[in-house]
Amino acid sequence: MQLIGVMVRRLNDGVEYGEFRKGWIPDEIVPGDPRTRVITAAGLEDPQEIVTIAIIEGDHGPESIAEWMERLTPIEERRFERIKDLVGPPSLNAVYQVLSEDDLSVPVAE
């Protein structure tokens, strides 16, 4: 099972992404963190709107979320303190189960 974490938020007026990223980068790495790839993108119509997608790989199902959050909470709390004045509250903050992954540059099998 593959999961993704998705968060959408808006940079505060006058805040540039580089400033946000500096505070966002974790100050500690937890061995085995299932968030193996994290993609951050800015809106084309509103570059202050950013979406972060964490790809959660490995053998991590919904039942393991609580365990990981417990391990990551101190790090995430420190990150939040560093960025809290740079962004507004998330308009979306959820974890989803991946149902399919397709390459639309080639025919897609049913």
Protein backbone atom coordinates (compact mmCIF):
# COMPACT_ATOMS: atom_id res chain seq x y z
CA MET A 1 0.00 0.00 0.00
CA GLN A 2 1.31 3.42 -0.89
CA LEU A 3 0.15 6.56 0.87
CA ILE A 4 0.64 10.24 0.15
CA GLY A 5 0.42 13.16 2.53
CA VAL A 6 -0.90 16.38 1.01
CA MET A 7 -0.78 19.86 2.53
CA VAL A 8 -1.91 23.08 0.86
CA ARG A 9 -1.13 26.42 2.44
CA ARG A 10 -0.47 30.01 1.49
CA LEU A 11 2.72 31.93 2.13
CA ASN A 12 2.02 35.15 3.98
CA ASP A 13 2.27 38.40 2.03
CA GLY A 14 5.89 39.40 1.54
CA VAL A 15 7.25 35.92 2.28
CA GLU A 16 9.26 34.26 -0.47
CA TYR A 17 9.49 30.51 -0.87
CA GLY A 18 13.25 30.44 -0.10
CA GLU A 19 12.61 31.95 3.33
CA PHE A 20 9.85 29.43 4.02
CA ARG A 21 12.01 26.51 2.80
CA LYS A 22 14.86 27.49 5.11
CA GLY A 23 12.55 27.14 8.12
CA TRP A 24 10.72 24.12 6.71
CA ILE A 25 13.77 21.85 6.30
CA PRO A 26 13.84 19.37 9.21
CA ASP A 27 16.58 19.87 11.79
CA GLU A 28 16.72 16.14 12.53
CA ILE A 29 16.34 13.00 10.46
CA VAL A 30 14.55 9.94 11.83
CA PRO A 31 16.05 6.74 10.38
CA GLY A 32 13.43 4.89 8.36
CA ASP A 33 11.18 7.95 7.92
CA PRO A 34 8.65 6.68 5.35
CA ARG A 35 8.38 10.07 3.62
CA THR A 36 10.96 9.15 1.00
CA ARG A 37 10.09 11.90 -1.50
CA VAL A 38 8.55 15.27 -0.80
CA ILE A 39 7.48 17.52 -3.65
CA THR A 40 6.62 21.18 -3.09
CA ALA A 41 5.03 23.27 -5.82
CA ALA A 42 3.72 26.81 -6.16
CA GLY A 43 0.45 27.71 -7.85
CA LEU A 44 0.76 29.16 -11.35
CA GLU A 45 -2.13 31.56 -10.74
CA ASP A 46 -1.11 32.32 -7.16
CA PRO A 47 2.58 31.63 -6.45
CA GLN A 48 1.96 32.30 -2.76
CA GLU A 49 -0.14 29.11 -2.63
CA ILE A 50 2.06 26.08 -2.12
CA VAL A 51 1.24 22.40 -2.09
CA THR A 52 3.47 19.79 -0.48
CA ILE A 53 3.09 16.13 -1.37
CA ALA A 54 4.93 13.54 0.71
CA ILE A 55 5.21 10.14 -0.92
CA ILE A 56 5.11 7.51 1.81
CA GLU A 57 6.74 4.35 0.57
CA GLY A 58 7.41 0.99 2.08
CA ASP A 59 5.25 -1.19 4.22
CA HIS A 60 3.37 1.64 5.92
CA GLY A 61 -0.39 1.45 6.04
CA PRO A 62 -2.90 3.64 7.84
CA GLU A 63 -2.34 1.66 11.02
CA SER A 64 1.29 2.85 11.22
CA ILE A 65 0.48 6.58 10.95
CA ALA A 66 0.02 7.05 14.71
CA GLU A 67 3.34 5.34 15.44
CA TRP A 68 5.21 7.52 12.94
CA MET A 69 3.53 10.71 14.07
CA GLU A 70 4.61 9.96 17.64
CA ARG A 71 8.23 9.63 16.49
CA LEU A 72 8.07 12.70 14.24
CA THR A 73 6.04 15.02 16.49
CA PRO A 74 8.99 16.74 18.25
CA ILE A 75 10.65 17.48 14.88
CA GLU A 76 7.38 18.66 13.32
CA GLU A 77 6.65 20.92 16.31
CA ARG A 78 10.04 22.61 15.92
CA ARG A 79 9.41 23.04 12.18
CA PHE A 80 6.00 24.56 12.90
CA GLU A 81 7.56 27.08 15.30
CA ARG A 82 10.05 28.16 12.63
CA ILE A 83 7.42 28.62 9.88
CA LYS A 84 4.30 29.67 11.81
CA ASP A 85 4.75 33.36 10.97
CA LEU A 86 5.56 32.63 7.32
CA VAL A 87 2.40 30.75 6.24
CA GLY A 88 -1.28 30.66 6.99
CA PRO A 89 -3.06 27.56 8.30
CA PRO A 90 -3.37 24.66 5.87
CA SER A 91 -6.46 24.64 3.68
CA LEU A 92 -5.83 20.91 3.19
CA ASN A 93 -3.81 18.55 5.39
CA ALA A 94 -4.63 14.88 4.80
CA VAL A 95 -3.22 11.45 4.01
CA TYR A 96 -4.55 9.49 1.04
CA GLN A 97 -4.17 5.92 -0.15
CA VAL A 98 -2.83 5.71 -3.70
CA LEU A 99 -5.28 3.81 -5.91
CA SER A 100 -3.45 4.10 -9.21
CA GLU A 101 -0.43 5.69 -10.83
CA ASP A 102 -0.44 6.30 -14.56
CA ASP A 103 1.91 7.60 -17.24
CA LEU A 104 -0.37 9.58 -19.55
CA SER A 105 2.30 9.83 -22.26
CA VAL A 106 1.57 6.20 -23.19
CA PRO A 107 -1.71 4.22 -23.53
CA VAL A 108 -3.20 3.45 -20.12
CA ALA A 109 -4.34 -0.11 -19.45
CA GLU A 110 -7.73 -0.54 -17.83
